[in-house]
Amino acid sequence: MKPETIENIIDRQKTAYIASIDENGYPNMKAMLAPRKRKGLREFWFSTNTSSLRVAQYRKNPKASIYFCDQRFFRGVMLTGTMEVLEDAKSKKMIWQEGDTMYYPEGVNDPDYCVLKFTAEKGRWYSNFKSEDF
């Protein structure tokens, strides 16, 4: 599978599924809005609440996965790697969007606003009844 095809599918999805590991070692999955920014198939940035359960879990254990699903054609891509919690002004400003005050009333400097940066180590693609690692 060409990376451009996988990137195209990722970019068309409105929802991403992210997984973290809880204190008992079990995976926890959550639907999120699509990443605000991505760099190839390696780096993805999401906005979230600093007070969220996911942030607490990533701070304890950065192992993570993200999944994108094209339901129309039953295709998907899973990436595994690590998730960083970023609270620096540069990262927060980089992905801030108009209307975010709906979630973060104090604006880009809201203490309950942070950035999740996912860095992929490997991936797996599913399409046409077969899977392929990349």
Protein backbone atom coordinates (compact mmCIF):
# COMPACT_ATOMS: atom_id res chain seq x y z
CA MET A 1 0.00 0.00 0.00
CA LYS A 2 1.32 3.43 -0.92
CA PRO A 3 1.77 5.90 1.97
CA GLU A 4 -0.16 8.52 -0.04
CA THR A 5 -3.24 6.25 -0.11
CA ILE A 6 -3.10 5.70 3.65
CA GLU A 7 -2.59 9.44 4.28
CA ASN A 8 -5.55 10.24 2.03
CA ILE A 9 -7.81 7.92 4.03
CA ILE A 10 -6.58 9.38 7.34
CA ASP A 11 -7.22 12.94 6.15
CA ARG A 12 -10.83 12.16 5.17
CA GLN A 13 -11.82 10.81 8.59
CA LYS A 14 -13.58 13.07 11.08
CA THR A 15 -12.91 10.67 13.93
CA ALA A 16 -9.76 9.01 15.22
CA TYR A 17 -9.66 6.32 17.88
CA ILE A 18 -6.86 6.59 20.41
CA ALA A 19 -5.80 3.96 22.93
CA SER A 20 -3.96 4.30 26.22
CA ILE A 21 -3.00 1.80 28.91
CA ASP A 22 -4.71 1.91 32.30
CA GLU A 23 -3.13 1.25 35.72
CA ASN A 24 -3.92 -2.49 35.41
CA GLY A 25 -2.28 -2.82 31.99
CA TYR A 26 -5.51 -2.92 29.98
CA PRO A 27 -6.00 -0.91 26.78
CA ASN A 28 -8.54 1.92 26.90
CA MET A 29 -9.99 3.17 23.60
CA LYS A 30 -11.60 6.55 22.96
CA ALA A 31 -13.05 8.31 19.93
CA MET A 32 -11.52 11.74 19.31
CA LEU A 33 -11.89 14.45 16.74
CA ALA A 34 -9.43 13.98 13.87
CA PRO A 35 -5.87 15.15 14.51
CA ARG A 36 -5.36 18.88 14.16
CA LYS A 37 -2.06 18.36 12.39
CA ARG A 38 0.00 15.50 11.09
CA LYS A 39 3.47 15.04 9.65
CA GLY A 40 3.41 12.10 7.26
CA LEU A 41 2.46 8.85 8.94
CA ARG A 42 4.81 9.47 11.84
CA GLU A 43 3.53 12.41 13.93
CA PHE A 44 -0.01 13.44 14.85
CA TRP A 45 -1.27 16.26 17.12
CA PHE A 46 -4.61 16.24 18.95
CA SER A 47 -6.19 18.76 21.31
CA THR A 48 -7.65 17.60 24.62
CA ASN A 49 -8.39 18.51 28.20
CA THR A 50 -5.46 18.43 30.61
CA SER A 51 -7.83 17.05 33.26
CA SER A 52 -8.86 14.04 31.13
CA LEU A 53 -8.35 10.41 32.05
CA ARG A 54 -6.33 9.84 28.85
CA VAL A 55 -3.81 12.55 29.80
CA ALA A 56 -3.31 10.95 33.22
CA GLN A 57 -2.80 7.53 31.61
CA TYR A 58 -0.32 8.82 28.99
CA ARG A 59 1.68 10.57 31.70
CA LYS A 60 2.07 7.23 33.53
CA ASN A 61 2.58 5.10 30.41
CA PRO A 62 3.20 6.73 27.02
CA LYS A 63 2.48 3.57 24.99
CA ALA A 64 -0.38 4.29 22.62
CA SER A 65 -2.09 3.45 19.39
CA ILE A 66 -4.32 5.38 17.03
CA TYR A 67 -6.78 3.96 14.52
CA PHE A 68 -8.54 5.45 11.53
CA CYS A 69 -11.45 3.66 9.89
CA ASP A 70 -12.94 4.23 6.45
CA GLN A 71 -16.31 2.64 7.20
CA ARG A 72 -17.62 3.07 3.66
CA PHE A 73 -15.04 0.69 2.19
CA PHE A 74 -14.20 -1.21 5.41
CA ARG A 75 -10.55 -0.14 5.41
CA GLY A 76 -8.45 0.91 8.34
CA VAL A 77 -5.02 1.87 9.55
CA MET A 78 -3.59 1.30 13.01
CA LEU A 79 -0.45 3.02 14.19
CA THR A 80 1.36 2.08 17.39
CA GLY A 81 3.88 4.22 19.21
CA THR A 82 3.99 6.75 22.02
CA MET A 83 1.90 9.73 23.13
CA GLU A 84 3.37 12.85 24.71
CA VAL A 85 1.39 15.41 26.71
CA LEU A 86 2.51 18.89 25.64
CA GLU A 87 1.58 22.02 27.58
CA ASP A 88 4.07 24.52 26.13
CA ALA A 89 2.73 27.68 24.49
CA LYS A 90 4.24 26.90 21.08
CA SER A 91 2.51 23.52 20.78
CA LYS A 92 -0.80 24.88 22.04
CA LYS A 93 -0.76 27.81 19.61
CA MET A 94 0.26 25.55 16.72
CA ILE A 95 -3.01 23.61 16.73
CA TRP A 96 -5.40 26.16 18.25
CA GLN A 97 -8.47 26.82 16.09
CA GLU A 98 -11.17 29.44 16.06
CA GLY A 99 -14.07 28.17 18.14
CA ASP A 100 -11.89 26.23 20.59
CA THR A 101 -13.06 28.53 23.37
CA MET A 102 -16.19 26.36 23.38
CA TYR A 103 -14.01 23.67 24.99
CA TYR A 104 -11.37 25.89 26.59
CA PRO A 105 -13.08 29.11 27.77
CA GLU A 106 -9.84 30.80 28.85
CA GLY A 107 -8.43 30.53 25.32
CA VAL A 108 -5.11 29.13 24.19
CA ASN A 109 -3.65 29.65 27.68
CA ASP A 110 -6.46 27.74 29.42
CA PRO A 111 -4.80 25.41 31.97
CA ASP A 112 -7.26 22.66 30.97
CA TYR A 113 -6.05 22.76 27.33
CA CYS A 114 -3.13 20.63 26.20
CA VAL A 115 -1.81 18.88 23.13
CA LEU A 116 -1.33 15.15 22.62
CA LYS A 117 1.53 14.38 20.23
CA PHE A 118 1.54 10.83 18.91
CA THR A 119 4.72 9.45 17.35
CA ALA A 120 4.27 6.23 15.38
CA GLU A 121 6.78 3.42 15.49
CA LYS A 122 4.94 1.02 13.18
CA GLY A 123 1.65 0.60 11.38
CA ARG A 124 -0.79 -1.96 10.04
CA TRP A 125 -3.14 -1.44 7.10
CA TYR A 126 -6.33 -3.41 6.44
CA SER A 127 -8.17 -3.45 3.11
CA ASN A 128 -9.82 -5.99 0.81
CA PHE A 129 -9.77 -8.76 3.42
CA LYS A 130 -6.01 -8.60 3.99
CA SER A 131 -3.61 -6.82 6.33
CA GLU A 132 -0.16 -5.46 5.73
CA ASP A 133 2.46 -4.17 8.18
CA PHE A 134 4.45 -1.06 7.34
